[in-house]
Amino acid sequence: MKILVTGGAGFIGSAVVRQAIAAGHQVVNLDALTYAACLDNVAEAATSDRYAFVQADLRDRPALDAALAEHRPDAIMHLAAESHVDRSIDGPGAFIETNITGTYNLLEAARAYWTAAGRPESFRLHHISTDEVFGSLGPEGQFTEDTAYDPRSPYSASKAASDHLVRAWHETYGLPVVLTNCSNNYGPYHFPEKLIPVVILKALAGDPIPVYGAGENVRDWLYVEDHADALLTVLQRGALGRSYNIGGENEARNIDIVRTICAILDRMRPKDTPHADQITFVTDRPGHDMRYAIDPGRIREELGWRPSVTLEQGLEKTVTWYLENEPWWRALQDRQGVGTRLGQAS
C-alpha cells in the first residue's frame, strides 16, 4: 500500500512513517516543516526507496493537488495539526487555519483525486484526532465513540471542527473515511514542550520542574509506537465511516507521572539530592481539563488491538531514549517558545 502521511515529520506522524516503512508499505511524507517538525525523526525510514518527502502546507490547496497527482497514494493518513494547547491559548489563529481550513483543503483535494480515479473502493482517508474534543470528565466514567463533543480550548475546538468536517464529507460526498481519537501520547521524539519531555529535560538541567496547579489532572497515557500500530490497524481494517477511540489503558495523575520520571532519573542519572526536590507547583493554565479517560472497547473488540506497553515500561523506555539522544533534543531547544511558559492568557 502507498500511504500519504500528512505531518509525517512530527511526533506521532513520524512514528507512523517509521512503522509503515518497516511493515513494507510505501510512504509519502507531506509536512510543512513548522516549528514542531523534525526530519531527523524519520532519518532511518528516509533511507528506504519506498519513502518520499514533499514539503507542503495544508493551507496550500494547489500543493496538495500536485502531491496527490504525482504520488497517487492508495490511502491518506491525516496527522498534520497544530497540537499544543498552551500555544493555542496564546495564538489561536494558527490552529483555525491549519486544523480547520487545512483539513477542509485536504478533504477537497482527496475528494477530487478519488473522484478522478473512478472512486476506487480500496481508497480511504484516515483522520487522526484527540480525546480532548470530548471535554473534561469527573472522577468516574470514560469517553466512548458516542460521547458528546465538549471542547474547552482553542486547540480542542479546532480538532472537533475538523472531525465534524471529515464526517460531513463522508455523509455528503461518500468520501471513504475512518476516524480515530487518541489519549495523550508519549515516547521517543516527543517535542520538548510537552509534559513528559519537559520534566525529563528540566530534571537533567537542575531547573525547577513546573507542575500545573496541584498536579491532580488525570490523563490516559499511550506509548506512541503502540498508537502508530493502532493507526495502521484502523487504516487497513477499520469500517468505513466508523470512529475508534485509542487509549493506553494507563490512567495517571500528572504529579504521579512527574514523580515516576524523577525516580527513574534517580536510578539512571543519580545526583546528590532526589530529582523530585526540583518539583515546583505553578499557576494552572486557563481551562485546564481535569480528567481524560478512554474506553478502547470498540478497537479491541472489532479489530483485536490492545496496547502492548505499560505506563511503567513506557516511561522507562522514554527516559532512556532521551538520555541516549541528547543531540536530538539539544537542537530543538532553541526553537521559538521551547523552554518558556506559554498559555497564560487571562
C-alpha atoms as a PDB file:
ATOM      1  CA  MET A   1       0.000   0.000   0.000  1.00  0.00           C
ATOM      2  CA  LYS A   2       1.171   3.526  -0.750  1.00  0.00           C
ATOM      3  CA  ILE A   3       0.211   5.869   2.096  1.00  0.00           C
ATOM      4  CA  LEU A   4       0.409   9.652   2.080  1.00  0.00           C
ATOM      5  CA  VAL A   5       1.012  10.778   5.678  1.00  0.00           C
ATOM      6  CA  THR A   6       0.393  14.429   6.486  1.00  0.00           C
ATOM      7  CA  GLY A   7       2.548  15.698   9.349  1.00  0.00           C
ATOM      8  CA  GLY A   8       4.975  12.817   8.989  1.00  0.00           C
ATOM      9  CA  ALA A   9       7.875  14.807  10.441  1.00  0.00           C
ATOM     10  CA  GLY A  10       6.010  15.404  13.701  1.00  0.00           C
ATOM     11  CA  PHE A  11       5.886  13.285  16.834  1.00  0.00           C
ATOM     12  CA  ILE A  12       3.060  10.838  16.091  1.00  0.00           C
ATOM     13  CA  GLY A  13       3.315  11.159  12.318  1.00  0.00           C
ATOM     14  CA  SER A  14       6.965  10.146  12.305  1.00  0.00           C
ATOM     15  CA  ALA A  15       6.162   7.057  14.377  1.00  0.00           C
ATOM     16  CA  VAL A  16       3.577   6.110  11.739  1.00  0.00           C
ATOM     17  CA  VAL A  17       6.107   6.693   8.950  1.00  0.00           C
ATOM     18  CA  ARG A  18       8.738   4.543  10.646  1.00  0.00           C
ATOM     19  CA  GLN A  19       6.299   1.687  11.313  1.00  0.00           C
ATOM     20  CA  ALA A  20       4.734   1.829   7.843  1.00  0.00           C
ATOM     21  CA  ILE A  21       8.127   1.615   6.150  1.00  0.00           C
ATOM     22  CA  ALA A  22       9.162  -1.221   8.466  1.00  0.00           C
ATOM     23  CA  ALA A  23       5.948  -3.061   7.530  1.00  0.00           C
ATOM     24  CA  GLY A  24       6.761  -2.850   3.821  1.00  0.00           C
ATOM     25  CA  HIS A  25       4.441  -0.008   2.776  1.00  0.00           C
ATOM     26  CA  GLN A  26       5.355   2.888   0.516  1.00  0.00           C
ATOM     27  CA  VAL A  27       5.143   6.238   2.306  1.00  0.00           C
ATOM     28  CA  VAL A  28       4.842   9.800   1.059  1.00  0.00           C
ATOM     29  CA  ASN A  29       5.583  12.152   3.948  1.00  0.00           C
ATOM     30  CA  LEU A  30       3.876  15.518   3.403  1.00  0.00           C
ATOM     31  CA  ASP A  31       4.889  18.098   6.000  1.00  0.00           C
ATOM     32  CA  ALA A  32       5.119  21.895   6.131  1.00  0.00           C
ATOM     33  CA  LEU A  33       8.126  21.657   8.491  1.00  0.00           C
ATOM     34  CA  THR A  34       6.784  24.085  11.066  1.00  0.00           C
ATOM     35  CA  TYR A  35       8.465  24.617  14.460  1.00  0.00           C
ATOM     36  CA  ALA A  36       7.487  21.184  15.853  1.00  0.00           C
ATOM     37  CA  ALA A  37       8.618  19.137  12.837  1.00  0.00           C
ATOM     38  CA  CYS A  38      12.000  17.456  12.560  1.00  0.00           C
ATOM     39  CA  LEU A  39      13.175  15.345   9.636  1.00  0.00           C
ATOM     40  CA  ASP A  40      15.646  13.616  11.949  1.00  0.00           C
ATOM     41  CA  ASN A  41      12.560  11.812  13.303  1.00  0.00           C
ATOM     42  CA  VAL A  42      12.338   9.828  10.052  1.00  0.00           C
ATOM     43  CA  ALA A  43      16.026   9.655   9.145  1.00  0.00           C
ATOM     44  CA  GLU A  44      16.117   5.861   9.222  1.00  0.00           C
ATOM     45  CA  ALA A  45      12.934   5.481   7.159  1.00  0.00           C
ATOM     46  CA  ALA A  46      14.189   8.056   4.654  1.00  0.00           C
ATOM     47  CA  THR A  47      16.962   5.686   3.528  1.00  0.00           C
ATOM     48  CA  SER A  48      14.307   3.386   2.038  1.00  0.00           C
ATOM     49  CA  ASP A  49      13.478   3.534  -1.668  1.00  0.00           C
ATOM     50  CA  ARG A  50       9.820   3.259  -0.552  1.00  0.00           C
ATOM     51  CA  TYR A  51       9.955   6.692   1.118  1.00  0.00           C
ATOM     52  CA  ALA A  52       9.354  10.112  -0.446  1.00  0.00           C
ATOM     53  CA  PHE A  53       9.119  13.566   1.115  1.00  0.00           C
ATOM     54  CA  VAL A  54       7.007  16.519  -0.006  1.00  0.00           C
ATOM     55  CA  GLN A  55       7.265  19.866   1.756  1.00  0.00           C
ATOM     56  CA  ALA A  56       3.787  21.355   1.542  1.00  0.00           C
ATOM     57  CA  ASP A  57       1.349  23.252   3.740  1.00  0.00           C
ATOM     58  CA  LEU A  58      -2.246  22.108   4.252  1.00  0.00           C
ATOM     59  CA  ARG A  59      -3.309  25.686   3.633  1.00  0.00           C
ATOM     60  CA  ASP A  60      -1.938  25.429   0.060  1.00  0.00           C
ATOM     61  CA  ARG A  61      -4.595  23.556  -1.917  1.00  0.00           C
ATOM     62  CA  PRO A  62      -2.670  23.508  -5.237  1.00  0.00           C
ATOM     63  CA  ALA A  63       0.292  21.891  -3.454  1.00  0.00           C
ATOM     64  CA  LEU A  64      -1.986  19.171  -2.085  1.00  0.00           C
ATOM     65  CA  ASP A  65      -3.459  18.528  -5.539  1.00  0.00           C
ATOM     66  CA  ALA A  66       0.025  18.307  -7.031  1.00  0.00           C
ATOM     67  CA  ALA A  67       1.257  15.861  -4.377  1.00  0.00           C
ATOM     68  CA  LEU A  68      -1.727  13.557  -4.901  1.00  0.00           C
ATOM     69  CA  ALA A  69      -1.406  13.692  -8.701  1.00  0.00           C
ATOM     70  CA  GLU A  70       2.317  12.940  -8.605  1.00  0.00           C
ATOM     71  CA  HIS A  71       2.400  10.188  -5.977  1.00  0.00           C
ATOM     72  CA  ARG A  72      -1.076   8.623  -6.405  1.00  0.00           C
ATOM     73  CA  PRO A  73      -1.466   7.145  -2.915  1.00  0.00           C
ATOM     74  CA  ASP A  74      -3.837   4.320  -2.038  1.00  0.00           C
ATOM     75  CA  ALA A  75      -4.670   5.975   1.287  1.00  0.00           C
ATOM     76  CA  ILE A  76      -4.159   9.189   3.250  1.00  0.00           C
ATOM     77  CA  MET A  77      -3.383   9.363   6.969  1.00  0.00           C
ATOM     78  CA  HIS A  78      -4.071  12.889   8.184  1.00  0.00           C
ATOM     79  CA  LEU A  79      -1.962  13.700  11.255  1.00  0.00           C
ATOM     80  CA  ALA A  80      -0.760  17.232  10.448  1.00  0.00           C
ATOM     81  CA  ALA A  81      -2.090  19.652  13.054  1.00  0.00           C
ATOM     82  CA  GLU A  82      -1.210  22.409  15.441  1.00  0.00           C
ATOM     83  CA  SER A  83      -1.457  20.495  18.713  1.00  0.00           C
ATOM     84  CA  HIS A  84      -0.038  22.356  21.721  1.00  0.00           C
ATOM     85  CA  VAL A  85      -2.861  23.585  23.979  1.00  0.00           C
ATOM     86  CA  ASP A  86      -0.737  26.330  25.559  1.00  0.00           C
ATOM     87  CA  ARG A  87       0.196  27.717  22.136  1.00  0.00           C
ATOM     88  CA  SER A  88      -3.475  27.665  21.135  1.00  0.00           C
ATOM     89  CA  ILE A  89      -4.268  29.912  24.095  1.00  0.00           C
ATOM     90  CA  ASP A  90      -1.624  32.436  23.043  1.00  0.00           C
ATOM     91  CA  GLY A  91      -2.274  32.270  19.290  1.00  0.00           C
ATOM     92  CA  PRO A  92      -5.496  30.524  18.245  1.00  0.00           C
ATOM     93  CA  GLY A  93      -5.365  31.759  14.645  1.00  0.00           C
ATOM     94  CA  ALA A  94      -2.799  29.202  13.517  1.00  0.00           C
ATOM     95  CA  PHE A  95      -4.994  26.420  14.923  1.00  0.00           C
ATOM     96  CA  ILE A  96      -8.032  27.627  12.991  1.00  0.00           C
ATOM     97  CA  GLU A  97      -6.052  27.929   9.757  1.00  0.00           C
ATOM     98  CA  THR A  98      -4.246  24.584   9.945  1.00  0.00           C
ATOM     99  CA  ASN A  99      -6.654  22.306  11.787  1.00  0.00           C
ATOM    100  CA  ILE A 100      -9.895  23.549  10.236  1.00  0.00           C
ATOM    101  CA  THR A 101      -9.089  25.214   6.904  1.00  0.00           C
ATOM    102  CA  GLY A 102      -6.194  22.824   6.282  1.00  0.00           C
ATOM    103  CA  THR A 103      -8.418  19.806   6.871  1.00  0.00           C
ATOM    104  CA  TYR A 104     -11.040  21.275   4.540  1.00  0.00           C
ATOM    105  CA  ASN A 105      -8.391  21.694   1.833  1.00  0.00           C
ATOM    106  CA  LEU A 106      -7.203  18.122   2.278  1.00  0.00           C
ATOM    107  CA  LEU A 107     -10.749  16.759   2.139  1.00  0.00           C
ATOM    108  CA  GLU A 108     -11.468  18.620  -1.078  1.00  0.00           C
ATOM    109  CA  ALA A 109      -8.151  17.582  -2.637  1.00  0.00           C
ATOM    110  CA  ALA A 110      -8.765  13.964  -1.608  1.00  0.00           C
ATOM    111  CA  ARG A 111     -12.326  14.059  -2.960  1.00  0.00           C
ATOM    112  CA  ALA A 112     -11.173  15.425  -6.323  1.00  0.00           C
ATOM    113  CA  TYR A 113      -8.372  12.845  -6.522  1.00  0.00           C
ATOM    114  CA  TRP A 114     -10.660   9.953  -5.539  1.00  0.00           C
ATOM    115  CA  THR A 115     -13.375  11.029  -7.985  1.00  0.00           C
ATOM    116  CA  ALA A 116     -10.922  11.435 -10.876  1.00  0.00           C
ATOM    117  CA  ALA A 117      -9.606   7.933 -10.165  1.00  0.00           C
ATOM    118  CA  GLY A 118     -13.090   6.465 -10.551  1.00  0.00           C
ATOM    119  CA  ARG A 119     -13.932   6.369  -6.812  1.00  0.00           C
ATOM    120  CA  PRO A 120     -11.955   3.182  -6.085  1.00  0.00           C
ATOM    121  CA  GLU A 121     -13.383   1.127  -3.222  1.00  0.00           C
ATOM    122  CA  SER A 122      -9.904   0.477  -1.819  1.00  0.00           C
ATOM    123  CA  PHE A 123      -9.159   4.171  -1.157  1.00  0.00           C
ATOM    124  CA  ARG A 124      -9.638   5.681   2.273  1.00  0.00           C
ATOM    125  CA  LEU A 125      -8.740   8.774   4.272  1.00  0.00           C
ATOM    126  CA  HIS A 126      -7.884   8.222   7.940  1.00  0.00           C
ATOM    127  CA  HIS A 127      -8.346  11.322  10.096  1.00  0.00           C
ATOM    128  CA  ILE A 128      -6.428  11.235  13.381  1.00  0.00           C
ATOM    129  CA  SER A 129      -7.824  13.295  16.276  1.00  0.00           C
ATOM    130  CA  THR A 130      -7.711  13.614  20.057  1.00  0.00           C
ATOM    131  CA  ASP A 131      -9.767  12.732  23.118  1.00  0.00           C
ATOM    132  CA  GLU A 132      -9.671  16.418  24.075  1.00  0.00           C
ATOM    133  CA  VAL A 133     -12.642  17.050  21.765  1.00  0.00           C
ATOM    134  CA  PHE A 134     -14.832  15.342  24.394  1.00  0.00           C
ATOM    135  CA  GLY A 135     -14.068  17.874  27.123  1.00  0.00           C
ATOM    136  CA  SER A 136     -13.409  17.045  30.771  1.00  0.00           C
ATOM    137  CA  LEU A 137     -14.523  14.068  32.866  1.00  0.00           C
ATOM    138  CA  GLY A 138     -15.284  13.866  36.554  1.00  0.00           C
ATOM    139  CA  PRO A 139     -13.709  11.197  38.753  1.00  0.00           C
ATOM    140  CA  GLU A 140     -15.747   8.401  37.097  1.00  0.00           C
ATOM    141  CA  GLY A 141     -16.536   7.299  33.566  1.00  0.00           C
ATOM    142  CA  GLN A 142     -14.715   7.095  30.230  1.00  0.00           C
ATOM    143  CA  PHE A 143     -15.051   8.635  26.792  1.00  0.00           C
ATOM    144  CA  THR A 144     -16.675   6.399  24.190  1.00  0.00           C
ATOM    145  CA  GLU A 145     -17.159   6.982  20.484  1.00  0.00           C
ATOM    146  CA  ASP A 146     -20.684   8.194  21.316  1.00  0.00           C
ATOM    147  CA  THR A 147     -19.619  10.792  23.889  1.00  0.00           C
ATOM    148  CA  ALA A 148     -20.905  14.268  23.017  1.00  0.00           C
ATOM    149  CA  TYR A 149     -18.262  16.769  21.946  1.00  0.00           C
ATOM    150  CA  ASP A 150     -17.463  19.475  24.511  1.00  0.00           C
ATOM    151  CA  PRO A 151     -14.098  21.078  23.635  1.00  0.00           C
ATOM    152  CA  ARG A 152     -12.639  23.548  26.143  1.00  0.00           C
ATOM    153  CA  SER A 153      -9.559  25.069  24.434  1.00  0.00           C
ATOM    154  CA  PRO A 154      -8.894  26.641  21.023  1.00  0.00           C
ATOM    155  CA  TYR A 155      -6.869  23.529  20.179  1.00  0.00           C
ATOM    156  CA  SER A 156      -9.580  21.011  21.039  1.00  0.00           C
ATOM    157  CA  ALA A 157     -12.268  23.184  19.427  1.00  0.00           C
ATOM    158  CA  SER A 158     -10.306  23.273  16.180  1.00  0.00           C
ATOM    159  CA  LYS A 159      -9.845  19.496  16.245  1.00  0.00           C
ATOM    160  CA  ALA A 160     -13.538  18.991  16.993  1.00  0.00           C
ATOM    161  CA  ALA A 161     -14.372  21.124  13.955  1.00  0.00           C
ATOM    162  CA  SER A 162     -12.048  19.052  11.779  1.00  0.00           C
ATOM    163  CA  ASP A 163     -13.694  15.829  12.990  1.00  0.00           C
ATOM    164  CA  HIS A 164     -17.097  17.192  12.027  1.00  0.00           C
ATOM    165  CA  LEU A 165     -15.840  18.170   8.566  1.00  0.00           C
ATOM    166  CA  VAL A 166     -14.494  14.675   7.953  1.00  0.00           C
ATOM    167  CA  ARG A 167     -17.799  13.069   8.949  1.00  0.00           C
ATOM    168  CA  ALA A 168     -19.718  15.560   6.783  1.00  0.00           C
ATOM    169  CA  TRP A 169     -17.578  14.779   3.709  1.00  0.00           C
ATOM    170  CA  HIS A 170     -18.304  11.088   4.251  1.00  0.00           C
ATOM    171  CA  GLU A 171     -22.047  11.567   4.636  1.00  0.00           C
ATOM    172  CA  THR A 172     -22.468  14.216   1.928  1.00  0.00           C
ATOM    173  CA  TYR A 173     -19.992  13.131  -0.733  1.00  0.00           C
ATOM    174  CA  GLY A 174     -19.400   9.497   0.131  1.00  0.00           C
ATOM    175  CA  LEU A 175     -15.688  10.058   0.733  1.00  0.00           C
ATOM    176  CA  PRO A 176     -14.391   6.844   2.326  1.00  0.00           C
ATOM    177  CA  VAL A 177     -13.063   7.812   5.750  1.00  0.00           C
ATOM    178  CA  VAL A 178     -12.176   6.349   9.128  1.00  0.00           C
ATOM    179  CA  LEU A 179     -11.558   8.408  12.267  1.00  0.00           C
ATOM    180  CA  THR A 180      -9.637   7.863  15.490  1.00  0.00           C
ATOM    181  CA  ASN A 181      -9.443   9.822  18.739  1.00  0.00           C
ATOM    182  CA  CYS A 182      -6.442   9.089  20.932  1.00  0.00           C
ATOM    183  CA  SER A 183      -5.385   9.739  24.500  1.00  0.00           C
ATOM    184  CA  ASN A 184      -2.149  11.514  25.489  1.00  0.00           C
ATOM    185  CA  ASN A 185       0.861  10.180  23.607  1.00  0.00           C
ATOM    186  CA  TYR A 186       4.425   9.972  24.890  1.00  0.00           C
ATOM    187  CA  GLY A 187       7.678   8.308  23.865  1.00  0.00           C
ATOM    188  CA  PRO A 188      10.732   8.864  21.632  1.00  0.00           C
ATOM    189  CA  TYR A 189      10.919  12.042  19.523  1.00  0.00           C
ATOM    190  CA  HIS A 190       8.330  13.880  21.643  1.00  0.00           C
ATOM    191  CA  PHE A 191       8.815  17.594  21.002  1.00  0.00           C
ATOM    192  CA  PRO A 192      10.368  19.150  24.130  1.00  0.00           C
ATOM    193  CA  GLU A 193       7.492  21.441  25.125  1.00  0.00           C
ATOM    194  CA  LYS A 194       5.055  18.721  26.281  1.00  0.00           C
ATOM    195  CA  LEU A 195       4.799  17.478  29.869  1.00  0.00           C
ATOM    196  CA  ILE A 196       6.954  14.337  29.852  1.00  0.00           C
ATOM    197  CA  PRO A 197       9.930  15.725  27.884  1.00  0.00           C
ATOM    198  CA  VAL A 198       9.726  18.974  29.882  1.00  0.00           C
ATOM    199  CA  VAL A 199      10.037  17.003  33.123  1.00  0.00           C
ATOM    200  CA  ILE A 200      12.967  14.949  31.827  1.00  0.00           C
ATOM    201  CA  LEU A 201      14.901  17.913  30.465  1.00  0.00           C
ATOM    202  CA  LYS A 202      14.234  20.235  33.416  1.00  0.00           C
ATOM    203  CA  ALA A 203      15.299  17.481  35.791  1.00  0.00           C
ATOM    204  CA  LEU A 204      18.531  16.869  33.863  1.00  0.00           C
ATOM    205  CA  ALA A 205      19.305  20.594  33.781  1.00  0.00           C
ATOM    206  CA  GLY A 206      18.742  21.002  37.525  1.00  0.00           C
ATOM    207  CA  ASP A 207      15.964  23.521  36.868  1.00  0.00           C
ATOM    208  CA  PRO A 208      12.594  23.753  38.629  1.00  0.00           C
ATOM    209  CA  ILE A 209      10.181  21.158  37.242  1.00  0.00           C
ATOM    210  CA  PRO A 210       6.879  23.003  36.659  1.00  0.00           C
ATOM    211  CA  VAL A 211       3.643  21.222  37.555  1.00  0.00           C
ATOM    212  CA  TYR A 212       0.356  22.991  36.764  1.00  0.00           C
ATOM    213  CA  GLY A 213      -1.972  23.535  39.730  1.00  0.00           C
ATOM    214  CA  ALA A 214      -1.686  20.698  42.243  1.00  0.00           C
ATOM    215  CA  GLY A 215      -0.828  18.110  39.580  1.00  0.00           C
ATOM    216  CA  GLU A 216      -4.160  16.344  40.106  1.00  0.00           C
ATOM    217  CA  ASN A 217      -5.171  16.374  36.427  1.00  0.00           C
ATOM    218  CA  VAL A 218      -5.577  12.815  35.121  1.00  0.00           C
ATOM    219  CA  ARG A 219      -4.667  11.572  31.647  1.00  0.00           C
ATOM    220  CA  ASP A 220      -4.685   8.185  29.922  1.00  0.00           C
ATOM    221  CA  TRP A 221      -1.145   7.708  28.574  1.00  0.00           C
ATOM    222  CA  LEU A 222      -0.499   5.940  25.252  1.00  0.00           C
ATOM    223  CA  TYR A 223       3.006   4.963  24.128  1.00  0.00           C
ATOM    224  CA  VAL A 224       3.487   6.491  20.673  1.00  0.00           C
ATOM    225  CA  GLU A 225       4.670   3.301  18.984  1.00  0.00           C
ATOM    226  CA  ASP A 226       1.576   1.488  20.252  1.00  0.00           C
ATOM    227  CA  HIS A 227      -0.501   4.323  18.825  1.00  0.00           C
ATOM    228  CA  ALA A 228       1.186   4.065  15.418  1.00  0.00           C
ATOM    229  CA  ASP A 229       0.418   0.346  15.375  1.00  0.00           C
ATOM    230  CA  ALA A 230      -3.235   1.049  16.203  1.00  0.00           C
ATOM    231  CA  LEU A 231      -3.494   3.691  13.482  1.00  0.00           C
ATOM    232  CA  LEU A 232      -2.179   1.361  10.803  1.00  0.00           C
ATOM    233  CA  THR A 233      -4.596  -1.314  12.045  1.00  0.00           C
ATOM    234  CA  VAL A 234      -7.569   1.046  11.719  1.00  0.00           C
ATOM    235  CA  LEU A 235      -6.412   2.241   8.299  1.00  0.00           C
ATOM    236  CA  GLN A 236      -6.344  -1.299   6.932  1.00  0.00           C
ATOM    237  CA  ARG A 237      -9.226  -2.962   8.791  1.00  0.00           C
ATOM    238  CA  GLY A 238     -11.471  -0.294  10.264  1.00  0.00           C
ATOM    239  CA  ALA A 239     -15.048   0.020   8.971  1.00  0.00           C
ATOM    240  CA  LEU A 240     -15.654   2.981   6.659  1.00  0.00           C
ATOM    241  CA  GLY A 241     -17.391   5.888   8.340  1.00  0.00           C
ATOM    242  CA  ARG A 242     -16.547   4.443  11.749  1.00  0.00           C
ATOM    243  CA  SER A 243     -14.609   6.116  14.559  1.00  0.00           C
ATOM    244  CA  TYR A 244     -12.342   4.325  17.020  1.00  0.00           C
ATOM    245  CA  ASN A 245     -11.084   5.568  20.380  1.00  0.00           C
ATOM    246  CA  ILE A 246      -7.467   4.578  21.038  1.00  0.00           C
ATOM    247  CA  GLY A 247      -6.310   4.548  24.655  1.00  0.00           C
ATOM    248  CA  GLY A 248      -3.309   3.263  26.533  1.00  0.00           C
ATOM    249  CA  GLU A 249      -5.326   1.856  29.459  1.00  0.00           C
ATOM    250  CA  ASN A 250      -2.861   3.770  31.657  1.00  0.00           C
ATOM    251  CA  GLU A 251      -4.579   6.490  33.701  1.00  0.00           C
ATOM    252  CA  ALA A 252      -2.355   8.554  35.994  1.00  0.00           C
ATOM    253  CA  ARG A 253      -2.281  11.947  37.683  1.00  0.00           C
ATOM    254  CA  ASN A 254       0.252  14.405  36.304  1.00  0.00           C
ATOM    255  CA  ILE A 255       2.035  14.586  39.656  1.00  0.00           C
ATOM    256  CA  ASP A 256       2.445  10.805  39.683  1.00  0.00           C
ATOM    257  CA  ILE A 257       3.941  10.889  36.185  1.00  0.00           C
ATOM    258  CA  VAL A 258       6.393  13.555  37.304  1.00  0.00           C
ATOM    259  CA  ARG A 259       7.422  11.670  40.426  1.00  0.00           C
ATOM    260  CA  THR A 260       7.868   8.428  38.495  1.00  0.00           C
ATOM    261  CA  ILE A 261      10.167  10.132  35.994  1.00  0.00           C
ATOM    262  CA  CYS A 262      12.158  11.652  38.850  1.00  0.00           C
ATOM    263  CA  ALA A 263      12.563   8.207  40.432  1.00  0.00           C
ATOM    264  CA  ILE A 264      13.757   6.727  37.135  1.00  0.00           C
ATOM    265  CA  LEU A 265      16.319   9.515  36.787  1.00  0.00           C
ATOM    266  CA  ASP A 266      17.457   8.961  40.377  1.00  0.00           C
ATOM    267  CA  ARG A 267      18.467   5.470  39.247  1.00  0.00           C
ATOM    268  CA  MET A 268      19.784   6.277  35.797  1.00  0.00           C
ATOM    269  CA  ARG A 269      21.370   9.691  36.417  1.00  0.00           C
ATOM    270  CA  PRO A 270      21.847   9.998  40.211  1.00  0.00           C
ATOM    271  CA  LYS A 271      22.870  13.233  41.905  1.00  0.00           C
ATOM    272  CA  ASP A 272      23.281  14.474  45.486  1.00  0.00           C
ATOM    273  CA  THR A 273      19.580  15.184  46.022  1.00  0.00           C
ATOM    274  CA  PRO A 274      16.446  13.498  44.638  1.00  0.00           C
ATOM    275  CA  HIS A 275      15.192  14.916  41.357  1.00  0.00           C
ATOM    276  CA  ALA A 276      11.738  15.235  42.947  1.00  0.00           C
ATOM    277  CA  ASP A 277      13.129  18.090  45.062  1.00  0.00           C
ATOM    278  CA  GLN A 278      13.011  20.193  41.869  1.00  0.00           C
ATOM    279  CA  ILE A 279       9.208  19.896  41.541  1.00  0.00           C
ATOM    280  CA  THR A 280       7.578  23.332  41.631  1.00  0.00           C
ATOM    281  CA  PHE A 281       3.825  23.908  41.521  1.00  0.00           C
ATOM    282  CA  VAL A 282       2.833  26.779  39.212  1.00  0.00           C
ATOM    283  CA  THR A 283      -0.397  28.573  38.365  1.00  0.00           C
ATOM    284  CA  ASP A 284      -2.690  26.342  36.343  1.00  0.00           C
ATOM    285  CA  ARG A 285      -3.404  27.160  32.716  1.00  0.00           C
ATOM    286  CA  PRO A 286      -6.846  28.567  31.757  1.00  0.00           C
ATOM    287  CA  GLY A 287      -9.489  25.924  31.046  1.00  0.00           C
ATOM    288  CA  HIS A 288      -7.283  23.005  32.090  1.00  0.00           C
ATOM    289  CA  ASP A 289      -9.430  19.863  31.732  1.00  0.00           C
ATOM    290  CA  MET A 290      -9.397  17.797  34.919  1.00  0.00           C
ATOM    291  CA  ARG A 291      -9.562  14.255  33.577  1.00  0.00           C
ATOM    292  CA  TYR A 292      -9.493  12.339  30.293  1.00  0.00           C
ATOM    293  CA  ALA A 293     -10.095   8.591  30.082  1.00  0.00           C
ATOM    294  CA  ILE A 294     -10.809   6.468  27.023  1.00  0.00           C
ATOM    295  CA  ASP A 295     -12.862   3.310  26.686  1.00  0.00           C
ATOM    296  CA  PRO A 296     -10.980   1.410  23.926  1.00  0.00           C
ATOM    297  CA  GLY A 297     -13.562  -1.373  23.765  1.00  0.00           C
ATOM    298  CA  ARG A 298     -14.515  -0.857  20.112  1.00  0.00           C
ATOM    299  CA  ILE A 299     -10.990  -1.166  18.685  1.00  0.00           C
ATOM    300  CA  ARG A 300     -10.303  -4.099  20.984  1.00  0.00           C
ATOM    301  CA  GLU A 301     -13.472  -5.994  20.108  1.00  0.00           C
ATOM    302  CA  GLU A 302     -13.724  -5.179  16.396  1.00  0.00           C
ATOM    303  CA  LEU A 303     -10.046  -5.117  15.399  1.00  0.00           C
ATOM    304  CA  GLY A 304      -8.339  -7.084  18.174  1.00  0.00           C
ATOM    305  CA  TRP A 305      -5.962  -4.260  19.096  1.00  0.00           C
ATOM    306  CA  ARG A 306      -4.642  -3.563  22.607  1.00  0.00           C
ATOM    307  CA  PRO A 307      -1.641  -1.552  23.818  1.00  0.00           C
ATOM    308  CA  SER A 308       1.492  -3.607  24.395  1.00  0.00           C
ATOM    309  CA  VAL A 309       3.412  -1.222  26.669  1.00  0.00           C
ATOM    310  CA  THR A 310       2.510  -0.475  30.291  1.00  0.00           C
ATOM    311  CA  LEU A 311       2.993   3.031  31.650  1.00  0.00           C
ATOM    312  CA  GLU A 312       5.942   1.906  33.772  1.00  0.00           C
ATOM    313  CA  GLN A 313       7.631   0.253  30.798  1.00  0.00           C
ATOM    314  CA  GLY A 314       6.912   3.190  28.522  1.00  0.00           C
ATOM    315  CA  LEU A 315       8.284   5.809  30.903  1.00  0.00           C
ATOM    316  CA  GLU A 316      11.439   3.752  31.409  1.00  0.00           C
ATOM    317  CA  LYS A 317      11.901   3.439  27.627  1.00  0.00           C
ATOM    318  CA  THR A 318      11.203   7.146  27.128  1.00  0.00           C
ATOM    319  CA  VAL A 319      13.668   8.368  29.759  1.00  0.00           C
ATOM    320  CA  THR A 320      16.306   6.013  28.374  1.00  0.00           C
ATOM    321  CA  TRP A 321      15.735   7.359  24.851  1.00  0.00           C
ATOM    322  CA  TYR A 322      16.175  10.978  25.958  1.00  0.00           C
ATOM    323  CA  LEU A 323      19.349  10.134  27.846  1.00  0.00           C
ATOM    324  CA  GLU A 324      20.757   8.416  24.758  1.00  0.00           C
ATOM    325  CA  ASN A 325      19.686  11.077  22.235  1.00  0.00           C
ATOM    326  CA  GLU A 326      20.853  14.380  23.663  1.00  0.00           C
ATOM    327  CA  PRO A 327      21.922  15.837  20.267  1.00  0.00           C
ATOM    328  CA  TRP A 328      18.336  15.452  19.016  1.00  0.00           C
ATOM    329  CA  TRP A 329      16.691  17.433  21.820  1.00  0.00           C
ATOM    330  CA  ARG A 330      19.520  19.949  22.177  1.00  0.00           C
ATOM    331  CA  ALA A 331      18.972  21.014  18.572  1.00  0.00           C
ATOM    332  CA  LEU A 332      15.282  21.709  19.253  1.00  0.00           C
ATOM    333  CA  GLN A 333      15.672  23.731  22.431  1.00  0.00           C
ATOM    334  CA  ASP A 334      16.446  26.941  20.546  1.00  0.00           C
ATOM    335  CA  ARG A 335      13.168  26.896  18.639  1.00  0.00           C
ATOM    336  CA  GLN A 336      10.621  29.600  19.404  1.00  0.00           C
ATOM    337  CA  GLY A 337       8.784  29.141  22.684  1.00  0.00           C
ATOM    338  CA  VAL A 338      10.602  25.981  23.777  1.00  0.00           C
ATOM    339  CA  GLY A 339      11.567  26.137  27.456  1.00  0.00           C
ATOM    340  CA  THR A 340       9.329  29.118  28.261  1.00  0.00           C
ATOM    341  CA  ARG A 341       5.910  29.212  29.927  1.00  0.00           C
ATOM    342  CA  LEU A 342       3.115  29.604  27.369  1.00  0.00           C
ATOM    343  CA  GLY A 343      -0.659  29.715  27.616  1.00  0.00           C
ATOM    344  CA  GLN A 344      -1.119  32.209  30.444  1.00  0.00           C
ATOM    345  CA  ALA A 345      -3.649  34.417  28.684  1.00  0.00           C
ATOM    346  CA  SER A 346      -6.153  35.908  31.122  1.00  0.00           C
END
